[in-house]
PDB file of N, CA and C in Angstrom:
ATOM      1  N   UNK A   1      -6.011  14.415   8.287  1.00  0.00           N
ATOM      2  CA  UNK A   1      -7.243  13.687   8.504  1.00  0.00           C
ATOM      3  C   UNK A   1      -7.391  12.826   7.269  1.00  0.00           C
ATOM      4  N   UNK A   2      -7.715  11.468   7.445  1.00  0.00           N
ATOM      5  CA  UNK A   2      -8.217  10.813   6.248  1.00  0.00           C
ATOM      6  C   UNK A   2      -9.598  10.335   6.472  1.00  0.00           C
ATOM      7  N   UNK A   3     -10.144   9.645   5.464  1.00  0.00           N
ATOM      8  CA  UNK A   3     -11.577   9.275   5.412  1.00  0.00           C
ATOM      9  C   UNK A   3     -11.568   7.742   5.103  1.00  0.00           C
ATOM     10  N   UNK A   4     -12.311   6.889   6.002  1.00  0.00           N
ATOM     11  CA  UNK A   4     -12.583   5.645   5.694  1.00  0.00           C
ATOM     12  C   UNK A   4     -13.100   5.308   4.333  1.00  0.00           C
ATOM     13  N   UNK A   5     -12.536   4.424   3.557  1.00  0.00           N
ATOM     14  CA  UNK A   5     -13.210   4.272   2.260  1.00  0.00           C
ATOM     15  C   UNK A   5     -14.413   3.479   2.281  1.00  0.00           C
ATOM     16  N   UNK A   6     -14.807   2.863   3.401  1.00  0.00           N
ATOM     17  CA  UNK A   6     -16.008   2.059   3.549  1.00  0.00           C
ATOM     18  C   UNK A   6     -17.261   2.829   4.033  1.00  0.00           C
ATOM     19  N   UNK A   7     -16.959   3.630   5.093  1.00  0.00           N
ATOM     20  CA  UNK A   7     -18.031   4.162   5.715  1.00  0.00           C
ATOM     21  C   UNK A   7     -17.960   5.807   5.619  1.00  0.00           C
ATOM     22  N   UNK A   8     -16.998   6.290   5.090  1.00  0.00           N
ATOM     23  CA  UNK A   8     -16.692   7.848   4.933  1.00  0.00           C
ATOM     24  C   UNK A   8     -16.658   8.428   6.288  1.00  0.00           C
ATOM     25  N   UNK A   9     -16.202   7.706   7.316  1.00  0.00           N
ATOM     26  CA  UNK A   9     -15.988   8.487   8.701  1.00  0.00           C
ATOM     27  C   UNK A   9     -14.572   9.048   8.637  1.00  0.00           C
ATOM     28  N   UNK A  10     -14.448  10.107   9.400  1.00  0.00           N
ATOM     29  CA  UNK A  10     -13.030  10.712   9.414  1.00  0.00           C
ATOM     30  C   UNK A  10     -12.296   9.771  10.435  1.00  0.00           C
ATOM     31  N   UNK A  11     -11.124   9.493   9.851  1.00  0.00           N
ATOM     32  CA  UNK A  11     -10.177   8.548  10.591  1.00  0.00           C
ATOM     33  C   UNK A  11      -9.006   9.615  11.210  1.00  0.00           C
ATOM     34  N   UNK A  12      -8.939   9.542  12.434  1.00  0.00           N
ATOM     35  CA  UNK A  12      -8.017  10.350  13.277  1.00  0.00           C
ATOM     36  C   UNK A  12      -6.484   9.689  13.107  1.00  0.00           C
ATOM     37  N   UNK A  13      -5.930   9.917  12.023  1.00  0.00           N
ATOM     38  CA  UNK A  13      -4.661   9.323  11.723  1.00  0.00           C
ATOM     39  C   UNK A  13      -3.688  10.473  11.336  1.00  0.00           C
ATOM     40  N   UNK A  14      -2.466  10.407  12.003  1.00  0.00           N
ATOM     41  CA  UNK A  14      -1.579  11.469  11.635  1.00  0.00           C
ATOM     42  C   UNK A  14      -0.629  10.884  10.538  1.00  0.00           C
ATOM     43  N   UNK A  15      -0.547  11.521   9.438  1.00  0.00           N
ATOM     44  CA  UNK A  15       0.348  11.107   8.433  1.00  0.00           C
ATOM     45  C   UNK A  15       1.753  10.878   8.738  1.00  0.00           C
ATOM     46  N   UNK A  16       2.215  11.472   9.829  1.00  0.00           N
ATOM     47  CA  UNK A  16       3.507  11.296  10.352  1.00  0.00           C
ATOM     48  C   UNK A  16       3.770  10.046  11.193  1.00  0.00           C
ATOM     49  N   UNK A  17       2.650   9.461  11.554  1.00  0.00           N
ATOM     50  CA  UNK A  17       2.701   8.306  12.351  1.00  0.00           C
ATOM     51  C   UNK A  17       2.497   7.000  11.642  1.00  0.00           C
ATOM     52  N   UNK A  18       2.191   7.098  10.315  1.00  0.00           N
ATOM     53  CA  UNK A  18       2.124   5.849   9.508  1.00  0.00           C
ATOM     54  C   UNK A  18       2.992   5.815   8.293  1.00  0.00           C
ATOM     55  N   UNK A  19       3.051   4.762   7.795  1.00  0.00           N
ATOM     56  CA  UNK A  19       3.908   4.526   6.611  1.00  0.00           C
ATOM     57  C   UNK A  19       3.049   3.865   5.523  1.00  0.00           C
ATOM     58  N   UNK A  20       3.341   4.116   4.165  1.00  0.00           N
ATOM     59  CA  UNK A  20       2.607   3.389   3.179  1.00  0.00           C
ATOM     60  C   UNK A  20       2.462   2.040   3.400  1.00  0.00           C
ATOM     61  N   UNK A  21       1.258   1.434   3.124  1.00  0.00           N
ATOM     62  CA  UNK A  21       0.973   0.035   3.298  1.00  0.00           C
ATOM     63  C   UNK A  21       0.615  -0.593   4.698  1.00  0.00           C
ATOM     64  N   UNK A  22       0.793   0.479   5.610  1.00  0.00           N
ATOM     65  CA  UNK A  22       0.424  -0.044   7.005  1.00  0.00           C
ATOM     66  C   UNK A  22      -1.101  -0.305   7.108  1.00  0.00           C
ATOM     67  N   UNK A  23      -1.336  -1.179   7.848  1.00  0.00           N
ATOM     68  CA  UNK A  23      -2.710  -1.673   8.101  1.00  0.00           C
ATOM     69  C   UNK A  23      -3.397  -1.069   9.344  1.00  0.00           C
ATOM     70  N   UNK A  24      -4.551  -0.619   9.120  1.00  0.00           N
ATOM     71  CA  UNK A  24      -5.278   0.110  10.053  1.00  0.00           C
ATOM     72  C   UNK A  24      -6.741  -0.373  10.211  1.00  0.00           C
ATOM     73  N   UNK A  25      -7.484  -0.060  11.237  1.00  0.00           N
ATOM     74  CA  UNK A  25      -8.855  -0.559  11.340  1.00  0.00           C
ATOM     75  C   UNK A  25      -9.580   0.731  11.663  1.00  0.00           C
ATOM     76  N   UNK A  26     -10.811   0.888  10.912  1.00  0.00           N
ATOM     77  CA  UNK A  26     -11.731   2.034  11.196  1.00  0.00           C
ATOM     78  C   UNK A  26     -12.506   1.919  12.479  1.00  0.00           C
ATOM     79  N   UNK A  27     -12.414   2.928  13.377  1.00  0.00           N
ATOM     80  CA  UNK A  27     -12.992   2.936  14.512  1.00  0.00           C
ATOM     81  C   UNK A  27     -14.590   2.823  14.524  1.00  0.00           C
ATOM     82  N   UNK A  28     -15.080   3.434  13.428  1.00  0.00           N
ATOM     83  CA  UNK A  28     -16.521   3.423  13.282  1.00  0.00           C
ATOM     84  C   UNK A  28     -17.035   2.120  12.813  1.00  0.00           C
ATOM     85  N   UNK A  29     -16.582   1.611  11.670  1.00  0.00           N
ATOM     86  CA  UNK A  29     -17.088   0.552  11.017  1.00  0.00           C
ATOM     87  C   UNK A  29     -16.318  -0.790  11.193  1.00  0.00           C
ATOM     88  N   UNK A  30     -15.206  -0.723  11.647  1.00  0.00           N
ATOM     89  CA  UNK A  30     -14.236  -1.852  11.892  1.00  0.00           C
ATOM     90  C   UNK A  30     -13.522  -2.492  10.635  1.00  0.00           C
ATOM     91  N   UNK A  31     -13.669  -1.626   9.451  1.00  0.00           N
ATOM     92  CA  UNK A  31     -13.177  -2.228   8.043  1.00  0.00           C
ATOM     93  C   UNK A  31     -11.558  -2.129   8.264  1.00  0.00           C
ATOM     94  N   UNK A  32     -10.988  -3.178   7.647  1.00  0.00           N
ATOM     95  CA  UNK A  32      -9.553  -3.287   7.493  1.00  0.00           C
ATOM     96  C   UNK A  32      -9.125  -2.364   6.564  1.00  0.00           C
ATOM     97  N   UNK A  33      -8.294  -1.388   6.748  1.00  0.00           N
ATOM     98  CA  UNK A  33      -7.842  -0.416   5.786  1.00  0.00           C
ATOM     99  C   UNK A  33      -6.322  -0.580   5.655  1.00  0.00           C
ATOM    100  N   UNK A  34      -5.823   0.015   4.584  1.00  0.00           N
ATOM    101  CA  UNK A  34      -4.360  -0.054   4.250  1.00  0.00           C
ATOM    102  C   UNK A  34      -4.098   1.473   3.730  1.00  0.00           C
ATOM    103  N   UNK A  35      -2.868   2.042   4.302  1.00  0.00           N
ATOM    104  CA  UNK A  35      -2.558   3.263   3.709  1.00  0.00           C
ATOM    105  C   UNK A  35      -1.906   3.149   2.316  1.00  0.00           C
ATOM    106  N   UNK A  36      -2.802   3.819   1.466  1.00  0.00           N
ATOM    107  CA  UNK A  36      -2.390   3.808   0.078  1.00  0.00           C
ATOM    108  C   UNK A  36      -1.512   4.910  -0.349  1.00  0.00           C
ATOM    109  N   UNK A  37      -1.562   6.080   0.316  1.00  0.00           N
ATOM    110  CA  UNK A  37      -0.817   7.319   0.044  1.00  0.00           C
ATOM    111  C   UNK A  37      -0.560   8.047   1.424  1.00  0.00           C
ATOM    112  N   UNK A  38       0.519   8.687   1.452  1.00  0.00           N
ATOM    113  CA  UNK A  38       0.889   9.474   2.697  1.00  0.00           C
ATOM    114  C   UNK A  38       0.296  10.869   2.493  1.00  0.00           C
ATOM    115  N   UNK A  39       0.691  11.638   1.493  1.00  0.00           N
ATOM    116  CA  UNK A  39       0.294  13.058   1.454  1.00  0.00           C
ATOM    117  C   UNK A  39      -0.250  13.258   0.155  1.00  0.00           C
ATOM    118  N   UNK A  40      -1.658  13.454   0.097  1.00  0.00           N
ATOM    119  CA  UNK A  40      -2.608  13.430   1.186  1.00  0.00           C
ATOM    120  C   UNK A  40      -2.730  12.002   1.554  1.00  0.00           C
ATOM    121  N   UNK A  41      -3.102  11.892   2.905  1.00  0.00           N
ATOM    122  CA  UNK A  41      -3.271  10.619   3.608  1.00  0.00           C
ATOM    123  C   UNK A  41      -4.608   9.859   2.880  1.00  0.00           C
ATOM    124  N   UNK A  42      -4.432   8.748   2.286  1.00  0.00           N
ATOM    125  CA  UNK A  42      -5.453   7.990   1.631  1.00  0.00           C
ATOM    126  C   UNK A  42      -5.510   6.635   2.205  1.00  0.00           C
ATOM    127  N   UNK A  43      -6.698   6.152   2.665  1.00  0.00           N
ATOM    128  CA  UNK A  43      -7.098   4.836   3.037  1.00  0.00           C
ATOM    129  C   UNK A  43      -7.878   4.038   2.151  1.00  0.00           C
ATOM    130  N   UNK A  44      -7.548   2.889   1.826  1.00  0.00           N
ATOM    131  CA  UNK A  44      -8.398   2.044   1.041  1.00  0.00           C
ATOM    132  C   UNK A  44      -8.594   0.720   1.816  1.00  0.00           C
ATOM    133  N   UNK A  45      -9.718  -0.062   1.274  1.00  0.00           N
ATOM    134  CA  UNK A  45      -9.880  -1.291   1.924  1.00  0.00           C
ATOM    135  C   UNK A  45      -8.747  -2.129   1.650  1.00  0.00           C
ATOM    136  N   UNK A  46      -8.267  -2.990   2.644  1.00  0.00           N
ATOM    137  CA  UNK A  46      -7.103  -3.719   2.717  1.00  0.00           C
ATOM    138  C   UNK A  46      -7.064  -4.786   1.544  1.00  0.00           C
ATOM    139  N   UNK A  47      -8.298  -5.305   1.238  1.00  0.00           N
ATOM    140  CA  UNK A  47      -8.449  -6.225   0.044  1.00  0.00           C
ATOM    141  C   UNK A  47      -8.103  -5.702  -1.277  1.00  0.00           C
ATOM    142  N   UNK A  48      -8.555  -4.410  -1.349  1.00  0.00           N
ATOM    143  CA  UNK A  48      -8.396  -3.666  -2.728  1.00  0.00           C
ATOM    144  C   UNK A  48      -6.868  -3.196  -2.820  1.00  0.00           C
ATOM    145  N   UNK A  49      -6.283  -3.014  -1.710  1.00  0.00           N
ATOM    146  CA  UNK A  49      -5.015  -2.427  -1.704  1.00  0.00           C
ATOM    147  C   UNK A  49      -3.859  -3.346  -2.108  1.00  0.00           C
ATOM    148  N   UNK A  50      -4.134  -4.662  -1.955  1.00  0.00           N
ATOM    149  CA  UNK A  50      -3.099  -5.649  -2.263  1.00  0.00           C
ATOM    150  C   UNK A  50      -2.754  -5.455  -3.803  1.00  0.00           C
ATOM    151  N   UNK A  51      -3.541  -5.183  -4.573  1.00  0.00           N
ATOM    152  CA  UNK A  51      -3.216  -5.115  -6.081  1.00  0.00           C
ATOM    153  C   UNK A  51      -2.520  -3.765  -6.363  1.00  0.00           C
ATOM    154  N   UNK A  52      -2.428  -2.878  -5.501  1.00  0.00           N
ATOM    155  CA  UNK A  52      -1.953  -1.458  -5.880  1.00  0.00           C
ATOM    156  C   UNK A  52      -0.481  -1.488  -6.010  1.00  0.00           C
ATOM    157  N   UNK A  53       0.162  -1.002  -6.823  1.00  0.00           N
ATOM    158  CA  UNK A  53       1.628  -0.765  -7.072  1.00  0.00           C
ATOM    159  C   UNK A  53       2.493  -2.010  -6.969  1.00  0.00           C
ATOM    160  N   UNK A  54       1.817  -3.155  -7.153  1.00  0.00           N
ATOM    161  CA  UNK A  54       2.730  -4.357  -7.073  1.00  0.00           C
ATOM    162  C   UNK A  54       2.790  -4.850  -8.487  1.00  0.00           C
ATOM    163  N   UNK A  55       4.138  -5.084  -8.972  1.00  0.00           N
ATOM    164  CA  UNK A  55       4.419  -5.797 -10.230  1.00  0.00           C
ATOM    165  C   UNK A  55       3.585  -7.051 -10.404  1.00  0.00           C
ATOM    166  N   UNK A  56       3.147  -7.322 -11.546  1.00  0.00           N
ATOM    167  CA  UNK A  56       2.338  -8.495 -11.854  1.00  0.00           C
ATOM    168  C   UNK A  56       3.058  -9.794 -11.512  1.00  0.00           C
ATOM    169  N   UNK A  57       4.272 -10.033 -11.951  1.00  0.00           N
ATOM    170  CA  UNK A  57       4.967 -11.253 -11.646  1.00  0.00           C
ATOM    171  C   UNK A  57       6.324 -11.129 -11.036  1.00  0.00           C
ATOM    172  N   UNK A  58       6.478 -11.167  -9.676  1.00  0.00           N
ATOM    173  CA  UNK A  58       7.771 -10.916  -8.982  1.00  0.00           C
ATOM    174  C   UNK A  58       8.569 -11.994  -9.091  1.00  0.00           C
ATOM    175  N   UNK A  59       8.160 -13.221  -9.325  1.00  0.00           N
ATOM    176  CA  UNK A  59       8.827 -14.488  -9.257  1.00  0.00           C
ATOM    177  C   UNK A  59       9.496 -14.783 -10.623  1.00  0.00           C
ATOM    178  N   UNK A  60       9.181 -14.035 -11.637  1.00  0.00           N
ATOM    179  CA  UNK A  60       9.696 -14.280 -12.936  1.00  0.00           C
ATOM    180  C   UNK A  60      11.191 -13.981 -13.062  1.00  0.00           C
ATOM    181  N   UNK A  61      12.144 -14.635 -13.491  1.00  0.00           N
ATOM    182  CA  UNK A  61      13.542 -14.335 -13.597  1.00  0.00           C
ATOM    183  C   UNK A  61      13.753 -13.296 -14.568  1.00  0.00           C
ATOM    184  N   UNK A  62      14.763 -12.454 -14.378  1.00  0.00           N
ATOM    185  CA  UNK A  62      15.061 -11.392 -15.250  1.00  0.00           C
ATOM    186  C   UNK A  62      15.657 -11.955 -16.479  1.00  0.00           C
ATOM    187  N   UNK A  63      15.840 -11.102 -17.581  1.00  0.00           N
ATOM    188  CA  UNK A  63      16.494 -11.465 -18.769  1.00  0.00           C
ATOM    189  C   UNK A  63      17.875 -11.474 -18.832  1.00  0.00           C
ATOM    190  N   UNK A  64      18.397 -11.716 -17.552  1.00  0.00           N
ATOM    191  CA  UNK A  64      19.899 -11.821 -17.405  1.00  0.00           C
ATOM    192  C   UNK A  64      20.431 -13.209 -17.481  1.00  0.00           C
ATOM    193  N   UNK A  65      21.601 -13.475 -18.338  1.00  0.00           N
ATOM    194  CA  UNK A  65      21.889 -14.907 -18.397  1.00  0.00           C
ATOM    195  C   UNK A  65      22.791 -15.363 -17.239  1.00  0.00           C
ATOM    196  N   UNK A  66      22.924 -14.368 -16.369  1.00  0.00           N
ATOM    197  CA  UNK A  66      23.763 -14.837 -15.207  1.00  0.00           C
ATOM    198  C   UNK A  66      25.200 -14.802 -15.133  1.00  0.00           C
ATOM    199  N   UNK A  67      25.518 -14.553 -16.381  1.00  0.00           N
ATOM    200  CA  UNK A  67      27.089 -14.431 -16.501  1.00  0.00           C
ATOM    201  C   UNK A  67      27.674 -13.177 -15.906  1.00  0.00           C
ATOM    202  N   UNK A  68      29.037 -13.276 -15.525  1.00  0.00           N
ATOM    203  CA  UNK A  68      29.646 -11.956 -14.889  1.00  0.00           C
ATOM    204  C   UNK A  68      30.772 -11.518 -15.687  1.00  0.00           C
ATOM    205  N   UNK A  69      30.733 -11.672 -17.094  1.00  0.00           N
ATOM    206  CA  UNK A  69      31.833 -11.435 -17.811  1.00  0.00           C
ATOM    207  C   UNK A  69      31.892  -9.865 -17.855  1.00  0.00           C
ATOM    208  N   UNK A  70      33.138  -9.373 -18.151  1.00  0.00           N
ATOM    209  CA  UNK A  70      33.414  -8.111 -18.245  1.00  0.00           C
ATOM    210  C   UNK A  70      33.122  -7.598 -19.593  1.00  0.00           C
ATOM    211  N   UNK A  71      32.825  -6.392 -19.845  1.00  0.00           N
ATOM    212  CA  UNK A  71      32.640  -5.934 -21.240  1.00  0.00           C
ATOM    213  C   UNK A  71      34.062  -5.483 -21.763  1.00  0.00           C
ATOM    214  N   UNK A  72      34.332  -5.787 -22.909  1.00  0.00           N
ATOM    215  CA  UNK A  72      35.640  -5.413 -23.511  1.00  0.00           C
ATOM    216  C   UNK A  72      35.508  -4.029 -24.214  1.00  0.00           C
TER     217      UNK A  72
END
């Protein structure tokens, strides 16, 4: 059983039926929620969850020079 982060209502969600980052809607208040954790099941407002566990800059190139030389 999980709790809506907006209205504290019990959300009837089975942790085996959802995956992390799935989007749900609260049956009581209609808030858009995202599954932040599976065990224990944690629901957060979808707006707030977008910044969770995401690297700051995914588009930055790595420090690799792109060469495929073998090491001697």
